[in-house]
């Protein structure tokens, strides 16, 4: 039973949360790059899910990638990281639900996450998004290492 506290210590360590934070940040920055550069193809991907009304599709296709990019940059910098993880967590929940709805409908579409003509959605896609969501929750709960905002607090206290 001595192994149980050690396992808990490893799973709640701030450096594991830092690794997850950098991974999720890189993932969302990478995903946003395609969507920013190919907004029309991303709008088609959003429309293929048949969830959002057509008058919303273009707005989402333009704004969502920038939200992903800003949240990724904030996570890398460690500035307002908890806020960024909340936004990313809600995005992951929404993406996962949209994929599940289309899997239940038996619609064969591309995910649209990283490219327009990627693999079709599957239960593996849901599992992958769920793992990313768990990483995001871990970052929200245990991330305390190397935050830029902590450096600013120290500088203000020194003045």
N, C-alpha and C. Protein backbone atom coordinates (compact mmCIF):
# COMPACT_ATOMS: atom_id res chain seq x y z
N UNK A 1 0.81 -1.20 0.00
CA UNK A 1 0.00 0.00 0.00
C UNK A 1 0.85 1.27 0.00
N UNK A 2 2.19 1.11 0.10
CA UNK A 2 3.05 2.28 0.07
C UNK A 2 3.15 2.87 -1.34
N UNK A 3 2.79 2.08 -2.32
CA UNK A 3 2.87 2.56 -3.70
C UNK A 3 1.76 3.55 -4.01
N UNK A 4 0.63 3.45 -3.34
CA UNK A 4 -0.50 4.32 -3.62
C UNK A 4 -0.20 5.80 -3.40
N UNK A 5 0.43 6.19 -2.27
CA UNK A 5 0.77 7.61 -2.13
C UNK A 5 1.79 8.08 -3.17
N UNK A 6 2.70 7.20 -3.54
CA UNK A 6 3.70 7.56 -4.56
C UNK A 6 3.04 7.80 -5.92
N UNK A 7 2.08 6.94 -6.26
CA UNK A 7 1.36 7.11 -7.53
C UNK A 7 0.58 8.41 -7.52
N UNK A 8 -0.08 8.71 -6.39
CA UNK A 8 -0.83 9.96 -6.28
C UNK A 8 0.11 11.15 -6.40
N UNK A 9 1.28 11.05 -5.79
CA UNK A 9 2.26 12.15 -5.87
C UNK A 9 2.70 12.39 -7.30
N UNK A 10 2.94 11.33 -8.05
CA UNK A 10 3.36 11.46 -9.45
C UNK A 10 2.23 12.05 -10.29
N UNK A 11 1.00 11.56 -10.09
CA UNK A 11 -0.12 12.02 -10.91
C UNK A 11 -0.53 13.46 -10.62
N UNK A 12 -0.22 13.96 -9.45
CA UNK A 12 -0.59 15.34 -9.10
C UNK A 12 0.60 16.29 -9.13
N UNK A 13 1.72 15.83 -9.65
CA UNK A 13 2.93 16.67 -9.67
C UNK A 13 2.77 17.82 -10.65
N UNK A 14 3.24 19.02 -10.27
CA UNK A 14 3.11 20.18 -11.16
C UNK A 14 3.86 20.02 -12.49
N UNK A 15 4.93 19.24 -12.51
CA UNK A 15 5.66 19.08 -13.77
C UNK A 15 4.91 18.21 -14.77
N UNK A 16 4.12 17.25 -14.28
CA UNK A 16 3.25 16.50 -15.18
C UNK A 16 2.20 17.42 -15.77
N UNK A 17 1.65 18.30 -14.94
CA UNK A 17 0.69 19.28 -15.43
C UNK A 17 1.35 20.23 -16.43
N UNK A 18 2.61 20.57 -16.22
CA UNK A 18 3.33 21.42 -17.17
C UNK A 18 3.47 20.72 -18.52
N UNK A 19 3.80 19.44 -18.49
CA UNK A 19 3.91 18.68 -19.74
C UNK A 19 2.57 18.65 -20.46
N UNK A 20 1.51 18.37 -19.72
CA UNK A 20 0.17 18.36 -20.32
C UNK A 20 -0.20 19.75 -20.84
N UNK A 21 0.15 20.78 -20.10
CA UNK A 21 -0.17 22.15 -20.51
C UNK A 21 0.51 22.48 -21.84
N UNK A 22 1.79 22.16 -21.96
CA UNK A 22 2.51 22.44 -23.20
C UNK A 22 1.99 21.61 -24.36
N UNK A 23 1.62 20.36 -24.08
CA UNK A 23 1.08 19.49 -25.12
C UNK A 23 -0.25 20.03 -25.65
N UNK A 24 -1.17 20.34 -24.74
CA UNK A 24 -2.50 20.85 -25.15
C UNK A 24 -2.35 22.19 -25.85
N UNK A 25 -1.45 23.04 -25.35
CA UNK A 25 -1.22 24.34 -25.99
C UNK A 25 -0.71 24.15 -27.42
N UNK A 26 0.28 23.30 -27.58
CA UNK A 26 0.82 23.03 -28.92
C UNK A 26 -0.23 22.44 -29.84
N UNK A 27 -1.05 21.57 -29.30
CA UNK A 27 -2.11 20.94 -30.08
C UNK A 27 -3.10 21.98 -30.61
N UNK A 28 -3.53 22.89 -29.74
CA UNK A 28 -4.50 23.89 -30.16
C UNK A 28 -3.88 24.95 -31.07
N UNK A 29 -2.63 25.28 -30.86
CA UNK A 29 -1.97 26.20 -31.78
C UNK A 29 -1.83 25.56 -33.15
N UNK A 30 -1.42 24.31 -33.19
CA UNK A 30 -1.29 23.60 -34.46
C UNK A 30 -2.63 23.50 -35.18
N UNK A 31 -3.68 23.16 -34.45
CA UNK A 31 -5.01 23.05 -35.06
C UNK A 31 -5.50 24.39 -35.58
N UNK A 32 -5.18 25.46 -34.88
CA UNK A 32 -5.65 26.78 -35.31
C UNK A 32 -4.96 27.25 -36.58
N UNK A 33 -3.73 26.83 -36.80
CA UNK A 33 -2.99 27.30 -37.99
C UNK A 33 -3.68 26.89 -39.28
N UNK A 34 -4.12 25.64 -39.36
CA UNK A 34 -4.84 25.20 -40.56
C UNK A 34 -6.13 25.99 -40.72
N UNK A 35 -6.85 26.14 -39.63
CA UNK A 35 -8.17 26.79 -39.71
C UNK A 35 -8.06 28.26 -40.06
N UNK A 36 -7.00 28.91 -39.59
CA UNK A 36 -6.80 30.33 -39.92
C UNK A 36 -6.42 30.47 -41.39
N UNK A 37 -5.57 29.60 -41.88
CA UNK A 37 -5.10 29.70 -43.27
C UNK A 37 -6.15 29.25 -44.29
N UNK A 38 -7.02 28.33 -43.89
CA UNK A 38 -8.02 27.79 -44.83
C UNK A 38 -9.41 27.92 -44.22
N UNK A 39 -9.84 29.15 -44.05
CA UNK A 39 -11.11 29.43 -43.39
C UNK A 39 -12.29 28.86 -44.17
N UNK A 40 -12.26 28.93 -45.48
CA UNK A 40 -13.38 28.44 -46.28
C UNK A 40 -13.55 26.92 -46.13
N UNK A 41 -12.44 26.19 -46.16
CA UNK A 41 -12.52 24.74 -45.97
C UNK A 41 -12.99 24.40 -44.56
N UNK A 42 -12.55 25.19 -43.57
CA UNK A 42 -12.99 24.95 -42.21
C UNK A 42 -14.49 25.25 -42.08
N UNK A 43 -14.98 26.26 -42.76
CA UNK A 43 -16.41 26.55 -42.75
C UNK A 43 -17.21 25.40 -43.34
N UNK A 44 -16.67 24.78 -44.39
CA UNK A 44 -17.33 23.61 -44.97
C UNK A 44 -17.35 22.44 -43.98
N UNK A 45 -16.26 22.28 -43.23
CA UNK A 45 -16.22 21.22 -42.22
C UNK A 45 -17.26 21.45 -41.14
N UNK A 46 -17.39 22.70 -40.71
CA UNK A 46 -18.40 23.03 -39.69
C UNK A 46 -19.80 22.76 -40.24
N UNK A 47 -20.05 23.16 -41.49
CA UNK A 47 -21.36 22.95 -42.09
C UNK A 47 -21.68 21.47 -42.25
N UNK A 48 -20.66 20.64 -42.48
CA UNK A 48 -20.90 19.21 -42.67
C UNK A 48 -21.39 18.52 -41.40
N UNK A 49 -21.14 19.12 -40.24
CA UNK A 49 -21.65 18.54 -38.99
C UNK A 49 -23.17 18.70 -38.87
N UNK A 50 -23.75 19.64 -39.60
CA UNK A 50 -25.19 19.88 -39.62
C UNK A 50 -25.76 20.13 -38.23
N UNK A 51 -25.03 20.89 -37.44
CA UNK A 51 -25.49 21.24 -36.09
C UNK A 51 -25.77 22.74 -36.01
N UNK A 52 -24.83 23.54 -36.51
CA UNK A 52 -24.97 25.00 -36.44
C UNK A 52 -25.80 25.49 -37.61
N UNK A 53 -26.64 26.51 -37.40
CA UNK A 53 -27.36 27.11 -38.53
C UNK A 53 -26.37 27.73 -39.51
N UNK A 54 -26.75 27.80 -40.76
CA UNK A 54 -25.83 28.29 -41.79
C UNK A 54 -25.39 29.73 -41.56
N UNK A 55 -26.23 30.54 -40.95
CA UNK A 55 -25.85 31.93 -40.73
C UNK A 55 -24.78 32.07 -39.65
N UNK A 56 -24.52 31.02 -38.88
CA UNK A 56 -23.50 31.05 -37.83
C UNK A 56 -22.17 30.47 -38.33
N UNK A 57 -22.20 29.66 -39.35
CA UNK A 57 -21.03 28.89 -39.79
C UNK A 57 -19.84 29.79 -40.10
N UNK A 58 -20.04 30.83 -40.88
CA UNK A 58 -18.91 31.70 -41.24
C UNK A 58 -18.33 32.43 -40.03
N UNK A 59 -19.19 32.89 -39.14
CA UNK A 59 -18.73 33.56 -37.93
C UNK A 59 -17.87 32.62 -37.09
N UNK A 60 -18.33 31.39 -36.91
CA UNK A 60 -17.58 30.41 -36.13
C UNK A 60 -16.27 30.05 -36.83
N UNK A 61 -16.32 29.92 -38.15
CA UNK A 61 -15.11 29.56 -38.90
C UNK A 61 -14.04 30.64 -38.82
N UNK A 62 -14.44 31.88 -38.65
CA UNK A 62 -13.47 32.97 -38.55
C UNK A 62 -12.99 33.16 -37.12
N UNK A 63 -13.88 33.06 -36.15
CA UNK A 63 -13.49 33.39 -34.76
C UNK A 63 -12.91 32.21 -33.99
N UNK A 64 -13.40 31.01 -34.19
CA UNK A 64 -12.95 29.86 -33.40
C UNK A 64 -11.45 29.61 -33.50
N UNK A 65 -10.84 29.65 -34.69
CA UNK A 65 -9.40 29.41 -34.74
C UNK A 65 -8.59 30.44 -33.96
N UNK A 66 -9.05 31.66 -33.93
CA UNK A 66 -8.33 32.69 -33.18
C UNK A 66 -8.48 32.48 -31.68
N UNK A 67 -9.62 32.00 -31.26
CA UNK A 67 -9.80 31.66 -29.84
C UNK A 67 -8.86 30.52 -29.47
N UNK A 68 -8.77 29.51 -30.33
CA UNK A 68 -7.85 28.39 -30.08
C UNK A 68 -6.40 28.88 -30.03
N UNK A 69 -6.02 29.75 -30.94
CA UNK A 69 -4.65 30.26 -30.97
C UNK A 69 -4.32 31.06 -29.72
N UNK A 70 -5.21 31.95 -29.34
CA UNK A 70 -4.96 32.78 -28.15
C UNK A 70 -4.87 31.91 -26.90
N UNK A 71 -5.78 30.95 -26.76
CA UNK A 71 -5.73 30.06 -25.59
C UNK A 71 -4.45 29.24 -25.58
N UNK A 72 -4.00 28.77 -26.72
CA UNK A 72 -2.75 28.03 -26.78
C UNK A 72 -1.56 28.87 -26.39
N UNK A 73 -1.52 30.10 -26.87
CA UNK A 73 -0.42 31.01 -26.52
C UNK A 73 -0.44 31.33 -25.02
N UNK A 74 -1.63 31.56 -24.48
CA UNK A 74 -1.74 31.83 -23.05
C UNK A 74 -1.27 30.63 -22.22
N UNK A 75 -1.58 29.43 -22.67
CA UNK A 75 -1.12 28.25 -21.95
C UNK A 75 0.40 28.11 -22.00
N UNK A 76 0.98 28.34 -23.16
CA UNK A 76 2.45 28.24 -23.26
C UNK A 76 3.11 29.28 -22.36
N UNK A 77 2.58 30.49 -22.38
CA UNK A 77 3.18 31.56 -21.58
C UNK A 77 2.90 31.39 -20.09
N UNK A 78 1.87 30.62 -19.76
CA UNK A 78 1.51 30.50 -18.36
C UNK A 78 0.87 31.76 -17.83
N UNK A 79 0.20 32.45 -18.69
CA UNK A 79 -0.49 33.68 -18.31
C UNK A 79 -1.98 33.45 -18.46
N UNK A 80 -2.71 33.58 -17.37
CA UNK A 80 -4.15 33.30 -17.34
C UNK A 80 -4.42 31.87 -17.82
N UNK A 81 -3.59 30.95 -17.34
CA UNK A 81 -3.68 29.55 -17.76
C UNK A 81 -4.98 28.88 -17.36
N UNK A 82 -5.47 29.19 -16.17
CA UNK A 82 -6.73 28.57 -15.74
C UNK A 82 -7.89 29.02 -16.62
N UNK A 83 -7.91 30.27 -17.00
CA UNK A 83 -8.96 30.76 -17.89
C UNK A 83 -8.87 30.09 -19.25
N UNK A 84 -7.65 29.95 -19.75
CA UNK A 84 -7.46 29.31 -21.05
C UNK A 84 -7.88 27.84 -21.00
N UNK A 85 -7.58 27.15 -19.88
CA UNK A 85 -7.98 25.75 -19.79
C UNK A 85 -9.50 25.59 -19.70
N UNK A 86 -10.17 26.54 -19.09
CA UNK A 86 -11.63 26.49 -19.03
C UNK A 86 -12.21 26.62 -20.45
N UNK A 87 -11.70 27.57 -21.21
CA UNK A 87 -12.18 27.76 -22.59
C UNK A 87 -11.88 26.52 -23.43
N UNK A 88 -10.65 26.01 -23.32
CA UNK A 88 -10.29 24.81 -24.08
C UNK A 88 -11.12 23.62 -23.64
N UNK A 89 -11.38 23.50 -22.36
CA UNK A 89 -12.22 22.41 -21.87
C UNK A 89 -13.62 22.47 -22.45
N UNK A 90 -14.22 23.65 -22.47
CA UNK A 90 -15.55 23.79 -23.06
C UNK A 90 -15.53 23.50 -24.56
N UNK A 91 -14.48 23.92 -25.24
CA UNK A 91 -14.36 23.61 -26.67
C UNK A 91 -14.27 22.11 -26.89
N UNK A 92 -13.46 21.43 -26.08
CA UNK A 92 -13.32 19.98 -26.23
C UNK A 92 -14.64 19.26 -25.95
N UNK A 93 -15.37 19.72 -24.94
CA UNK A 93 -16.67 19.12 -24.66
C UNK A 93 -17.62 19.31 -25.84
N UNK A 94 -17.64 20.53 -26.38
CA UNK A 94 -18.51 20.81 -27.53
C UNK A 94 -18.10 19.97 -28.74
N UNK A 95 -16.79 19.91 -29.04
CA UNK A 95 -16.32 19.12 -30.19
C UNK A 95 -16.70 17.65 -30.02
N UNK A 96 -16.50 17.12 -28.81
CA UNK A 96 -16.80 15.71 -28.57
C UNK A 96 -18.29 15.43 -28.73
N UNK A 97 -19.13 16.30 -28.20
CA UNK A 97 -20.57 16.11 -28.35
C UNK A 97 -20.99 16.19 -29.82
N UNK A 98 -20.40 17.10 -30.57
CA UNK A 98 -20.73 17.21 -32.00
C UNK A 98 -20.33 15.93 -32.75
N UNK A 99 -19.19 15.37 -32.39
CA UNK A 99 -18.76 14.12 -33.03
C UNK A 99 -19.68 12.98 -32.66
N UNK A 100 -20.06 12.90 -31.38
CA UNK A 100 -20.96 11.83 -30.93
C UNK A 100 -22.30 11.92 -31.64
N UNK A 101 -22.84 13.14 -31.77
CA UNK A 101 -24.12 13.32 -32.46
C UNK A 101 -24.03 12.79 -33.88
N UNK A 102 -22.96 13.09 -34.58
CA UNK A 102 -22.83 12.64 -35.97
C UNK A 102 -22.51 11.16 -36.07
N UNK A 103 -21.86 10.58 -35.08
CA UNK A 103 -21.67 9.13 -35.07
C UNK A 103 -22.99 8.41 -34.86
N UNK A 104 -23.83 8.94 -33.99
CA UNK A 104 -25.15 8.35 -33.76
C UNK A 104 -26.01 8.48 -35.01
N UNK A 105 -25.90 9.61 -35.70
CA UNK A 105 -26.63 9.81 -36.96
C UNK A 105 -26.07 8.96 -38.09
N UNK A 106 -24.90 8.37 -37.89
CA UNK A 106 -24.19 7.57 -38.90
C UNK A 106 -23.81 8.41 -40.12
N UNK A 107 -23.31 9.62 -39.83
CA UNK A 107 -22.84 10.52 -40.88
C UNK A 107 -21.33 10.35 -41.00
N UNK A 108 -20.86 10.10 -42.19
CA UNK A 108 -19.43 9.88 -42.42
C UNK A 108 -18.80 11.18 -42.92
N UNK A 109 -18.22 11.94 -41.98
CA UNK A 109 -17.58 13.21 -42.31
C UNK A 109 -16.19 13.24 -41.72
N UNK A 110 -15.40 14.18 -42.22
CA UNK A 110 -14.07 14.40 -41.67
C UNK A 110 -14.19 15.22 -40.39
N UNK A 111 -13.26 15.02 -39.49
CA UNK A 111 -13.28 15.75 -38.22
C UNK A 111 -13.13 17.25 -38.46
N UNK A 112 -12.23 17.65 -39.34
CA UNK A 112 -11.99 19.07 -39.60
C UNK A 112 -11.09 19.71 -38.56
N UNK A 113 -10.46 18.90 -37.73
CA UNK A 113 -9.64 19.43 -36.65
C UNK A 113 -8.30 19.98 -37.15
N UNK A 114 -7.63 19.21 -37.97
CA UNK A 114 -6.28 19.58 -38.40
C UNK A 114 -6.16 19.76 -39.90
N UNK A 115 -7.11 19.24 -40.66
CA UNK A 115 -7.11 19.41 -42.10
C UNK A 115 -8.51 19.09 -42.62
N UNK A 116 -8.80 19.57 -43.80
CA UNK A 116 -10.16 19.41 -44.34
C UNK A 116 -10.44 17.98 -44.79
N UNK A 117 -9.45 17.28 -45.29
CA UNK A 117 -9.67 15.94 -45.83
C UNK A 117 -8.97 14.90 -44.97
N UNK A 118 -9.19 14.95 -43.69
CA UNK A 118 -8.58 13.99 -42.78
C UNK A 118 -9.40 12.72 -42.70
N UNK A 119 -9.09 11.91 -41.72
CA UNK A 119 -9.83 10.68 -41.49
C UNK A 119 -11.26 11.01 -41.06
N UNK A 120 -12.16 10.10 -41.38
CA UNK A 120 -13.54 10.31 -40.96
C UNK A 120 -13.65 10.11 -39.45
N UNK A 121 -14.66 10.73 -38.88
CA UNK A 121 -14.84 10.63 -37.43
C UNK A 121 -15.17 9.18 -37.05
N UNK A 122 -14.75 8.82 -35.85
CA UNK A 122 -15.00 7.48 -35.33
C UNK A 122 -15.03 7.57 -33.82
N UNK A 123 -15.26 6.42 -33.19
CA UNK A 123 -15.24 6.41 -31.73
C UNK A 123 -13.83 6.64 -31.22
N UNK A 124 -12.82 6.36 -32.05
CA UNK A 124 -11.44 6.68 -31.68
C UNK A 124 -11.29 8.20 -31.53
N UNK A 125 -11.93 8.96 -32.38
CA UNK A 125 -11.89 10.42 -32.30
C UNK A 125 -12.50 10.89 -30.97
N UNK A 126 -13.58 10.27 -30.56
CA UNK A 126 -14.21 10.60 -29.28
C UNK A 126 -13.26 10.28 -28.14
N UNK A 127 -12.62 9.11 -28.19
CA UNK A 127 -11.67 8.72 -27.15
C UNK A 127 -10.48 9.66 -27.09
N UNK A 128 -9.98 10.06 -28.24
CA UNK A 128 -8.85 11.00 -28.31
C UNK A 128 -9.23 12.33 -27.68
N UNK A 129 -10.41 12.84 -28.02
CA UNK A 129 -10.86 14.10 -27.44
C UNK A 129 -11.08 13.98 -25.94
N UNK A 130 -11.56 12.82 -25.49
CA UNK A 130 -11.75 12.61 -24.07
C UNK A 130 -10.41 12.61 -23.32
N UNK A 131 -9.39 12.02 -23.91
CA UNK A 131 -8.06 12.03 -23.29
C UNK A 131 -7.54 13.46 -23.21
N UNK A 132 -7.74 14.24 -24.28
CA UNK A 132 -7.31 15.65 -24.25
C UNK A 132 -8.09 16.43 -23.20
N UNK A 133 -9.36 16.11 -23.03
CA UNK A 133 -10.17 16.77 -22.00
C UNK A 133 -9.64 16.43 -20.60
N UNK A 134 -9.27 15.18 -20.38
CA UNK A 134 -8.72 14.79 -19.08
C UNK A 134 -7.39 15.51 -18.82
N UNK A 135 -6.57 15.67 -19.86
CA UNK A 135 -5.32 16.42 -19.71
C UNK A 135 -5.62 17.88 -19.34
N UNK A 136 -6.62 18.44 -19.96
CA UNK A 136 -6.98 19.83 -19.68
C UNK A 136 -7.48 19.99 -18.25
N UNK A 137 -8.27 19.05 -17.78
CA UNK A 137 -8.74 19.09 -16.40
C UNK A 137 -7.56 18.95 -15.44
N UNK A 138 -6.62 18.09 -15.77
CA UNK A 138 -5.42 17.92 -14.94
C UNK A 138 -4.65 19.23 -14.87
N UNK A 139 -4.50 19.90 -15.99
CA UNK A 139 -3.81 21.19 -16.01
C UNK A 139 -4.55 22.20 -15.14
N UNK A 140 -5.86 22.23 -15.25
CA UNK A 140 -6.65 23.16 -14.45
C UNK A 140 -6.44 22.93 -12.95
N UNK A 141 -6.37 21.67 -12.55
CA UNK A 141 -6.30 21.35 -11.13
C UNK A 141 -4.90 21.44 -10.54
N UNK A 142 -3.86 21.06 -11.31
CA UNK A 142 -2.54 20.87 -10.71
C UNK A 142 -1.43 21.72 -11.29
N UNK A 143 -1.71 22.54 -12.27
CA UNK A 143 -0.64 23.31 -12.90
C UNK A 143 -0.22 24.49 -12.03
N UNK A 144 1.06 24.46 -11.62
CA UNK A 144 1.59 25.55 -10.80
C UNK A 144 3.01 25.94 -11.21
N UNK A 145 3.55 25.32 -12.23
CA UNK A 145 4.96 25.50 -12.57
C UNK A 145 5.13 26.46 -13.75
N UNK A 146 6.10 27.34 -13.61
CA UNK A 146 6.55 28.22 -14.69
C UNK A 146 5.44 29.05 -15.31
N UNK A 147 4.84 29.88 -14.48
CA UNK A 147 3.80 30.78 -14.95
C UNK A 147 4.37 32.19 -15.09
N UNK A 148 4.11 32.80 -16.21
CA UNK A 148 4.57 34.15 -16.47
C UNK A 148 3.93 35.15 -15.51
N UNK A 149 2.68 34.94 -15.18
CA UNK A 149 2.01 35.89 -14.29
C UNK A 149 2.63 35.87 -12.89
N UNK A 150 3.21 34.76 -12.47
CA UNK A 150 3.91 34.72 -11.19
C UNK A 150 5.16 35.59 -11.23
N UNK A 151 5.82 35.65 -12.36
CA UNK A 151 7.00 36.51 -12.51
C UNK A 151 6.60 37.99 -12.37
N UNK A 152 5.46 38.38 -12.91
CA UNK A 152 5.01 39.75 -12.80
C UNK A 152 4.68 40.10 -11.35
N UNK A 153 4.11 39.18 -10.62
CA UNK A 153 3.81 39.43 -9.21
C UNK A 153 5.07 39.68 -8.40
N UNK A 154 6.12 38.89 -8.71
CA UNK A 154 7.39 39.09 -8.01
C UNK A 154 7.99 40.46 -8.33
N UNK A 155 7.90 40.86 -9.58
CA UNK A 155 8.46 42.16 -9.98
C UNK A 155 7.71 43.31 -9.30
N UNK A 156 6.41 43.17 -9.17
CA UNK A 156 5.64 44.24 -8.51
C UNK A 156 5.97 44.30 -7.03
N UNK A 157 6.16 43.18 -6.37
CA UNK A 157 6.49 43.15 -4.96
C UNK A 157 7.87 43.78 -4.71
N UNK A 158 8.80 43.62 -5.65
CA UNK A 158 10.13 44.16 -5.50
C UNK A 158 10.14 45.68 -5.60
N UNK A 159 9.19 46.26 -6.29
CA UNK A 159 9.15 47.70 -6.49
C UNK A 159 8.64 48.35 -5.30
